[in-house]
């Protein structure tokens, strides 16, 4: 709805014609431009070269991110005895 408001619709423009069949504010917003990569995902339903290129499974050795893991009394690491 925010994108709809930012597109500078005339909120009263559709109210001059009755019945209110085509009121622009109530029409469903277009999903165009929200996630342009989504169509690429749909075009590659199988694990092909597209997915292998961005997969981290074959590149674990190249990942160098420091991690600090800690478990406390009520965390998921606590096991009931």
PDB file of N, CA and C in Angstrom:
ATOM      1  N   UNK A   1       0.816  -1.189   0.000  1.00  0.00           N
ATOM      2  CA  UNK A   1       0.000   0.000   0.000  1.00  0.00           C
ATOM      3  C   UNK A   1       0.861   1.254   0.000  1.00  0.00           C
ATOM      4  N   UNK A   2       2.066   1.149   0.616  1.00  0.00           N
ATOM      5  CA  UNK A   2       2.934   2.312   0.625  1.00  0.00           C
ATOM      6  C   UNK A   2       3.362   2.659  -0.802  1.00  0.00           C
ATOM      7  N   UNK A   3       3.719   1.608  -1.592  1.00  0.00           N
ATOM      8  CA  UNK A   3       4.103   1.868  -2.976  1.00  0.00           C
ATOM      9  C   UNK A   3       2.931   2.467  -3.738  1.00  0.00           C
ATOM     10  N   UNK A   4       1.748   1.983  -3.450  1.00  0.00           N
ATOM     11  CA  UNK A   4       0.566   2.505  -4.114  1.00  0.00           C
ATOM     12  C   UNK A   4       0.396   3.989  -3.789  1.00  0.00           C
ATOM     13  N   UNK A   5       0.599   4.374  -2.527  1.00  0.00           N
ATOM     14  CA  UNK A   5       0.454   5.770  -2.123  1.00  0.00           C
ATOM     15  C   UNK A   5       1.554   6.631  -2.717  1.00  0.00           C
ATOM     16  N   UNK A   6       2.749   6.067  -2.852  1.00  0.00           N
ATOM     17  CA  UNK A   6       3.869   6.829  -3.397  1.00  0.00           C
ATOM     18  C   UNK A   6       3.738   7.059  -4.895  1.00  0.00           C
ATOM     19  N   UNK A   7       2.856   6.316  -5.556  1.00  0.00           N
ATOM     20  CA  UNK A   7       2.686   6.488  -6.995  1.00  0.00           C
ATOM     21  C   UNK A   7       1.763   7.654  -7.328  1.00  0.00           C
ATOM     22  N   UNK A   8       1.362   8.409  -6.338  1.00  0.00           N
ATOM     23  CA  UNK A   8       0.576   9.639  -6.515  1.00  0.00           C
ATOM     24  C   UNK A   8      -0.763   9.377  -7.208  1.00  0.00           C
ATOM     25  N   UNK A   9      -1.497   8.389  -6.701  1.00  0.00           N
ATOM     26  CA  UNK A   9      -2.840   8.170  -7.210  1.00  0.00           C
ATOM     27  C   UNK A   9      -3.747   9.285  -6.738  1.00  0.00           C
ATOM     28  N   UNK A  10      -4.734   9.565  -7.532  1.00  0.00           N
ATOM     29  CA  UNK A  10      -5.760  10.525  -7.144  1.00  0.00           C
ATOM     30  C   UNK A  10      -6.834   9.739  -6.398  1.00  0.00           C
ATOM     31  N   UNK A  11      -6.869   9.808  -5.062  1.00  0.00           N
ATOM     32  CA  UNK A  11      -7.789   8.959  -4.316  1.00  0.00           C
ATOM     33  C   UNK A  11      -9.254   9.243  -4.596  1.00  0.00           C
ATOM     34  N   UNK A  12      -9.576  10.445  -5.013  1.00  0.00           N
ATOM     35  CA  UNK A  12     -10.969  10.776  -5.296  1.00  0.00           C
ATOM     36  C   UNK A  12     -11.300  10.678  -6.773  1.00  0.00           C
ATOM     37  N   UNK A  13     -10.331  10.395  -7.584  1.00  0.00           N
ATOM     38  CA  UNK A  13     -10.554  10.347  -9.028  1.00  0.00           C
ATOM     39  C   UNK A  13     -11.566   9.312  -9.459  1.00  0.00           C
ATOM     40  N   UNK A  14     -11.579   8.144  -8.823  1.00  0.00           N
ATOM     41  CA  UNK A  14     -12.522   7.103  -9.204  1.00  0.00           C
ATOM     42  C   UNK A  14     -13.890   7.268  -8.592  1.00  0.00           C
ATOM     43  N   UNK A  15     -14.043   8.188  -7.651  1.00  0.00           N
ATOM     44  CA  UNK A  15     -15.331   8.341  -6.971  1.00  0.00           C
ATOM     45  C   UNK A  15     -16.335   9.173  -7.765  1.00  0.00           C
ATOM     46  N   UNK A  16     -15.917   9.735  -8.856  1.00  0.00           N
ATOM     47  CA  UNK A  16     -16.822  10.564  -9.649  1.00  0.00           C
ATOM     48  C   UNK A  16     -17.709   9.728 -10.566  1.00  0.00           C
ATOM     49  N   UNK A  17     -17.394   8.459 -10.703  1.00  0.00           N
ATOM     50  CA  UNK A  17     -18.175   7.566 -11.535  1.00  0.00           C
ATOM     51  C   UNK A  17     -18.750   6.475 -10.642  1.00  0.00           C
ATOM     52  N   UNK A  18     -20.063   6.334 -10.678  1.00  0.00           N
ATOM     53  CA  UNK A  18     -20.714   5.298  -9.873  1.00  0.00           C
ATOM     54  C   UNK A  18     -21.291   4.231 -10.783  1.00  0.00           C
ATOM     55  N   UNK A  19     -21.334   2.994 -10.419  1.00  0.00           N
ATOM     56  CA  UNK A  19     -20.793   2.449  -9.172  1.00  0.00           C
ATOM     57  C   UNK A  19     -19.266   2.384  -9.217  1.00  0.00           C
ATOM     58  N   UNK A  20     -18.679   2.258  -8.065  1.00  0.00           N
ATOM     59  CA  UNK A  20     -17.219   2.235  -7.954  1.00  0.00           C
ATOM     60  C   UNK A  20     -16.683   0.889  -8.398  1.00  0.00           C
ATOM     61  N   UNK A  21     -16.606   0.664  -9.699  1.00  0.00           N
ATOM     62  CA  UNK A  21     -16.135  -0.610 -10.241  1.00  0.00           C
ATOM     63  C   UNK A  21     -14.618  -0.613 -10.354  1.00  0.00           C
ATOM     64  N   UNK A  22     -14.068   0.464 -10.866  1.00  0.00           N
ATOM     65  CA  UNK A  22     -12.632   0.525 -11.087  1.00  0.00           C
ATOM     66  C   UNK A  22     -12.048   1.636 -10.228  1.00  0.00           C
ATOM     67  N   UNK A  23     -11.868   1.358  -8.965  1.00  0.00           N
ATOM     68  CA  UNK A  23     -11.304   2.336  -8.037  1.00  0.00           C
ATOM     69  C   UNK A  23      -9.831   1.989  -7.852  1.00  0.00           C
ATOM     70  N   UNK A  24      -8.898   2.803  -8.355  1.00  0.00           N
ATOM     71  CA  UNK A  24      -7.471   2.452  -8.379  1.00  0.00           C
ATOM     72  C   UNK A  24      -6.879   2.105  -7.015  1.00  0.00           C
ATOM     73  N   UNK A  25      -7.347   2.703  -5.953  1.00  0.00           N
ATOM     74  CA  UNK A  25      -6.773   2.446  -4.635  1.00  0.00           C
ATOM     75  C   UNK A  25      -7.087   1.021  -4.172  1.00  0.00           C
ATOM     76  N   UNK A  26      -8.202   0.454  -4.609  1.00  0.00           N
ATOM     77  CA  UNK A  26      -8.605  -0.873  -4.181  1.00  0.00           C
ATOM     78  C   UNK A  26      -8.080  -1.985  -5.072  1.00  0.00           C
ATOM     79  N   UNK A  27      -7.486  -1.659  -6.202  1.00  0.00           N
ATOM     80  CA  UNK A  27      -6.953  -2.680  -7.100  1.00  0.00           C
ATOM     81  C   UNK A  27      -5.701  -3.303  -6.494  1.00  0.00           C
ATOM     82  N   UNK A  28      -5.492  -4.571  -6.782  1.00  0.00           N
ATOM     83  CA  UNK A  28      -4.313  -5.265  -6.260  1.00  0.00           C
ATOM     84  C   UNK A  28      -3.042  -4.653  -6.844  1.00  0.00           C
ATOM     85  N   UNK A  29      -2.027  -4.420  -6.005  1.00  0.00           N
ATOM     86  CA  UNK A  29      -0.779  -3.842  -6.519  1.00  0.00           C
ATOM     87  C   UNK A  29      -0.021  -4.842  -7.378  1.00  0.00           C
ATOM     88  N   UNK A  30       0.732  -4.327  -8.294  1.00  0.00           N
ATOM     89  CA  UNK A  30       1.553  -5.166  -9.159  1.00  0.00           C
ATOM     90  C   UNK A  30       2.783  -5.635  -8.393  1.00  0.00           C
ATOM     91  N   UNK A  31       3.177  -6.857  -8.608  1.00  0.00           N
ATOM     92  CA  UNK A  31       4.382  -7.379  -7.975  1.00  0.00           C
ATOM     93  C   UNK A  31       5.630  -7.088  -8.786  1.00  0.00           C
ATOM     94  N   UNK A  32       5.461  -6.402  -9.891  1.00  0.00           N
ATOM     95  CA  UNK A  32       6.575  -6.105 -10.778  1.00  0.00           C
ATOM     96  C   UNK A  32       7.614  -5.240 -10.072  1.00  0.00           C
ATOM     97  N   UNK A  33       8.855  -5.640 -10.119  1.00  0.00           N
ATOM     98  CA  UNK A  33       9.937  -4.863  -9.547  1.00  0.00           C
ATOM     99  C   UNK A  33      10.250  -5.183  -8.098  1.00  0.00           C
ATOM    100  N   UNK A  34       9.428  -6.001  -7.436  1.00  0.00           N
ATOM    101  CA  UNK A  34       9.686  -6.313  -6.033  1.00  0.00           C
ATOM    102  C   UNK A  34      10.855  -7.280  -5.908  1.00  0.00           C
ATOM    103  N   UNK A  35      10.816  -8.382  -6.655  1.00  0.00           N
ATOM    104  CA  UNK A  35      11.875  -9.388  -6.598  1.00  0.00           C
ATOM    105  C   UNK A  35      12.179  -9.849  -8.019  1.00  0.00           C
ATOM    106  N   UNK A  36      12.999  -9.097  -8.744  1.00  0.00           N
ATOM    107  CA  UNK A  36      13.266  -9.453 -10.138  1.00  0.00           C
ATOM    108  C   UNK A  36      13.950 -10.814 -10.295  1.00  0.00           C
ATOM    109  N   UNK A  37      14.624 -11.290  -9.249  1.00  0.00           N
ATOM    110  CA  UNK A  37      15.301 -12.578  -9.306  1.00  0.00           C
ATOM    111  C   UNK A  37      14.326 -13.750  -9.204  1.00  0.00           C
ATOM    112  N   UNK A  38      13.090 -13.509  -8.778  1.00  0.00           N
ATOM    113  CA  UNK A  38      12.137 -14.601  -8.571  1.00  0.00           C
ATOM    114  C   UNK A  38      11.825 -15.335  -9.871  1.00  0.00           C
ATOM    115  N   UNK A  39      11.734 -14.613 -10.977  1.00  0.00           N
ATOM    116  CA  UNK A  39      11.485 -15.260 -12.269  1.00  0.00           C
ATOM    117  C   UNK A  39      12.666 -16.135 -12.669  1.00  0.00           C
ATOM    118  N   UNK A  40      13.879 -15.740 -12.297  1.00  0.00           N
ATOM    119  CA  UNK A  40      15.050 -16.585 -12.550  1.00  0.00           C
ATOM    120  C   UNK A  40      14.953 -17.878 -11.751  1.00  0.00           C
ATOM    121  N   UNK A  41      14.502 -17.774 -10.511  1.00  0.00           N
ATOM    122  CA  UNK A  41      14.342 -18.970  -9.683  1.00  0.00           C
ATOM    123  C   UNK A  41      13.345 -19.928 -10.317  1.00  0.00           C
ATOM    124  N   UNK A  42      12.240 -19.392 -10.812  1.00  0.00           N
ATOM    125  CA  UNK A  42      11.222 -20.239 -11.431  1.00  0.00           C
ATOM    126  C   UNK A  42      11.728 -20.878 -12.719  1.00  0.00           C
ATOM    127  N   UNK A  43      12.629 -20.200 -13.409  1.00  0.00           N
ATOM    128  CA  UNK A  43      13.166 -20.735 -14.660  1.00  0.00           C
ATOM    129  C   UNK A  43      14.161 -21.877 -14.408  1.00  0.00           C
ATOM    130  N   UNK A  44      14.610 -22.044 -13.161  1.00  0.00           N
ATOM    131  CA  UNK A  44      15.577 -23.091 -12.813  1.00  0.00           C
ATOM    132  C   UNK A  44      15.036 -23.932 -11.658  1.00  0.00           C
ATOM    133  N   UNK A  45      14.061 -24.799 -11.934  1.00  0.00           N
ATOM    134  CA  UNK A  45      13.472 -25.585 -10.844  1.00  0.00           C
ATOM    135  C   UNK A  45      14.378 -26.702 -10.333  1.00  0.00           C
ATOM    136  N   UNK A  46      15.373 -27.091 -11.096  1.00  0.00           N
ATOM    137  CA  UNK A  46      16.289 -28.157 -10.690  1.00  0.00           C
ATOM    138  C   UNK A  46      17.635 -27.584 -10.272  1.00  0.00           C
ATOM    139  N   UNK A  47      18.415 -28.389  -9.570  1.00  0.00           N
ATOM    140  CA  UNK A  47      19.736 -27.954  -9.125  1.00  0.00           C
ATOM    141  C   UNK A  47      20.702 -28.031 -10.309  1.00  0.00           C
ATOM    142  N   UNK A  48      20.716 -26.981 -11.111  1.00  0.00           N
ATOM    143  CA  UNK A  48      21.558 -26.936 -12.306  1.00  0.00           C
ATOM    144  C   UNK A  48      22.722 -25.972 -12.077  1.00  0.00           C
ATOM    145  N   UNK A  49      23.383 -25.576 -13.142  1.00  0.00           N
ATOM    146  CA  UNK A  49      24.535 -24.671 -13.046  1.00  0.00           C
ATOM    147  C   UNK A  49      24.163 -23.330 -12.413  1.00  0.00           C
ATOM    148  N   UNK A  50      22.946 -22.872 -12.609  1.00  0.00           N
ATOM    149  CA  UNK A  50      22.495 -21.611 -11.999  1.00  0.00           C
ATOM    150  C   UNK A  50      22.608 -21.696 -10.481  1.00  0.00           C
ATOM    151  N   UNK A  51      22.096 -22.781  -9.900  1.00  0.00           N
ATOM    152  CA  UNK A  51      22.120 -22.939  -8.448  1.00  0.00           C
ATOM    153  C   UNK A  51      23.504 -23.319  -7.945  1.00  0.00           C
ATOM    154  N   UNK A  52      24.262 -24.081  -8.709  1.00  0.00           N
ATOM    155  CA  UNK A  52      25.610 -24.474  -8.283  1.00  0.00           C
ATOM    156  C   UNK A  52      26.521 -23.261  -8.171  1.00  0.00           C
ATOM    157  N   UNK A  53      26.287 -22.284  -9.022  1.00  0.00           N
ATOM    158  CA  UNK A  53      27.108 -21.072  -9.013  1.00  0.00           C
ATOM    159  C   UNK A  53      26.946 -20.297  -7.705  1.00  0.00           C
ATOM    160  N   UNK A  54      25.744 -20.300  -7.119  1.00  0.00           N
ATOM    161  CA  UNK A  54      25.513 -19.523  -5.906  1.00  0.00           C
ATOM    162  C   UNK A  54      25.423 -20.384  -4.652  1.00  0.00           C
ATOM    163  N   UNK A  55      25.579 -21.686  -4.794  1.00  0.00           N
ATOM    164  CA  UNK A  55      25.508 -22.590  -3.646  1.00  0.00           C
ATOM    165  C   UNK A  55      26.798 -22.517  -2.836  1.00  0.00           C
ATOM    166  N   UNK A  56      26.676 -22.618  -1.506  1.00  0.00           N
ATOM    167  CA  UNK A  56      27.884 -22.585  -0.663  1.00  0.00           C
ATOM    168  C   UNK A  56      28.368 -23.979  -0.309  1.00  0.00           C
ATOM    169  N   UNK A  57      27.643 -25.014  -0.696  1.00  0.00           N
ATOM    170  CA  UNK A  57      28.008 -26.369  -0.302  1.00  0.00           C
ATOM    171  C   UNK A  57      29.400 -26.774  -0.776  1.00  0.00           C
ATOM    172  N   UNK A  58      29.791 -26.345  -1.951  1.00  0.00           N
ATOM    173  CA  UNK A  58      31.108 -26.695  -2.478  1.00  0.00           C
ATOM    174  C   UNK A  58      32.188 -25.688  -2.095  1.00  0.00           C
ATOM    175  N   UNK A  59      31.813 -24.663  -1.331  1.00  0.00           N
ATOM    176  CA  UNK A  59      32.755 -23.589  -1.033  1.00  0.00           C
ATOM    177  C   UNK A  59      32.937 -23.339   0.465  1.00  0.00           C
ATOM    178  N   UNK A  60      32.645 -24.350   1.294  1.00  0.00           N
ATOM    179  CA  UNK A  60      32.803 -24.166   2.729  1.00  0.00           C
ATOM    180  C   UNK A  60      34.230 -23.796   3.119  1.00  0.00           C
ATOM    181  N   UNK A  61      35.204 -24.358   2.458  1.00  0.00           N
ATOM    182  CA  UNK A  61      36.604 -24.089   2.799  1.00  0.00           C
ATOM    183  C   UNK A  61      36.988 -22.637   2.512  1.00  0.00           C
ATOM    184  N   UNK A  62      36.285 -21.991   1.612  1.00  0.00           N
ATOM    185  CA  UNK A  62      36.612 -20.611   1.244  1.00  0.00           C
ATOM    186  C   UNK A  62      35.935 -19.588   2.159  1.00  0.00           C
ATOM    187  N   UNK A  63      34.994 -20.005   2.950  1.00  0.00           N
ATOM    188  CA  UNK A  63      34.258 -19.079   3.820  1.00  0.00           C
ATOM    189  C   UNK A  63      35.102 -18.802   5.056  1.00  0.00           C
ATOM    190  N   UNK A  64      35.376 -17.541   5.295  1.00  0.00           N
ATOM    191  CA  UNK A  64      36.194 -17.139   6.433  1.00  0.00           C
ATOM    192  C   UNK A  64      35.470 -16.063   7.224  1.00  0.00           C
ATOM    193  N   UNK A  65      34.488 -16.497   7.990  1.00  0.00           N
ATOM    194  CA  UNK A  65      33.709 -15.586   8.815  1.00  0.00           C
ATOM    195  C   UNK A  65      33.882 -16.027  10.266  1.00  0.00           C
ATOM    196  N   UNK A  66      34.323 -15.134  11.127  1.00  0.00           N
ATOM    197  CA  UNK A  66      34.463 -15.516  12.530  1.00  0.00           C
ATOM    198  C   UNK A  66      33.086 -15.757  13.160  1.00  0.00           C
ATOM    199  N   UNK A  67      33.005 -16.781  13.980  1.00  0.00           N
ATOM    200  CA  UNK A  67      31.745 -17.135  14.627  1.00  0.00           C
ATOM    201  C   UNK A  67      31.986 -17.327  16.106  1.00  0.00           C
ATOM    202  N   UNK A  68      31.102 -16.815  16.909  1.00  0.00           N
ATOM    203  CA  UNK A  68      31.157 -17.006  18.354  1.00  0.00           C
ATOM    204  C   UNK A  68      29.857 -17.677  18.765  1.00  0.00           C
ATOM    205  N   UNK A  69      29.957 -18.907  19.211  1.00  0.00           N
ATOM    206  CA  UNK A  69      28.770 -19.623  19.640  1.00  0.00           C
ATOM    207  C   UNK A  69      28.784 -19.811  21.143  1.00  0.00           C
ATOM    208  N   UNK A  70      27.617 -19.630  21.760  1.00  0.00           N
ATOM    209  CA  UNK A  70      27.547 -19.739  23.201  1.00  0.00           C
ATOM    210  C   UNK A  70      26.207 -20.349  23.585  1.00  0.00           C
ATOM    211  N   UNK A  71      26.214 -21.239  24.525  1.00  0.00           N
ATOM    212  CA  UNK A  71      24.979 -21.817  25.026  1.00  0.00           C
ATOM    213  C   UNK A  71      24.819 -21.478  26.493  1.00  0.00           C
ATOM    214  N   UNK A  72      23.602 -21.205  26.913  1.00  0.00           N
ATOM    215  CA  UNK A  72      23.343 -20.865  28.305  1.00  0.00           C
ATOM    216  C   UNK A  72      22.320 -21.837  28.885  1.00  0.00           C
ATOM    217  N   UNK A  73      21.911 -21.586  30.101  1.00  0.00           N
ATOM    218  CA  UNK A  73      21.074 -22.518  30.839  1.00  0.00           C
ATOM    219  C   UNK A  73      19.784 -22.871  30.100  1.00  0.00           C
ATOM    220  N   UNK A  74      19.087 -21.916  29.565  1.00  0.00           N
ATOM    221  CA  UNK A  74      17.802 -22.170  28.913  1.00  0.00           C
ATOM    222  C   UNK A  74      17.881 -22.154  27.392  1.00  0.00           C
ATOM    223  N   UNK A  75      19.054 -22.227  26.833  1.00  0.00           N
ATOM    224  CA  UNK A  75      19.197 -22.253  25.385  1.00  0.00           C
ATOM    225  C   UNK A  75      18.896 -23.642  24.832  1.00  0.00           C
ATOM    226  N   UNK A  76      18.994 -23.773  23.536  1.00  0.00           N
ATOM    227  CA  UNK A  76      18.679 -25.041  22.883  1.00  0.00           C
ATOM    228  C   UNK A  76      19.692 -26.128  23.213  1.00  0.00           C
ATOM    229  N   UNK A  77      20.850 -25.764  23.800  1.00  0.00           N
ATOM    230  CA  UNK A  77      21.892 -26.745  24.084  1.00  0.00           C
ATOM    231  C   UNK A  77      21.633 -27.473  25.403  1.00  0.00           C
ATOM    232  N   UNK A  78      20.691 -26.977  26.168  1.00  0.00           N
ATOM    233  CA  UNK A  78      20.376 -27.573  27.449  1.00  0.00           C
ATOM    234  C   UNK A  78      19.495 -28.794  27.238  1.00  0.00           C
ATOM    235  N   UNK A  79      19.869 -29.902  27.797  1.00  0.00           N
ATOM    236  CA  UNK A  79      19.102 -31.145  27.662  1.00  0.00           C
ATOM    237  C   UNK A  79      18.519 -31.512  29.009  1.00  0.00           C
ATOM    238  N   UNK A  80      17.267 -31.890  29.008  1.00  0.00           N
ATOM    239  CA  UNK A  80      16.618 -32.301  30.241  1.00  0.00           C
ATOM    240  C   UNK A  80      17.150 -33.673  30.652  1.00  0.00           C
ATOM    241  N   UNK A  81      17.498 -33.844  31.904  1.00  0.00           N
ATOM    242  CA  UNK A  81      18.071 -35.109  32.364  1.00  0.00           C
ATOM    243  C   UNK A  81      17.108 -35.828  33.256  1.00  0.00           C
TER     244      UNK A  81
END
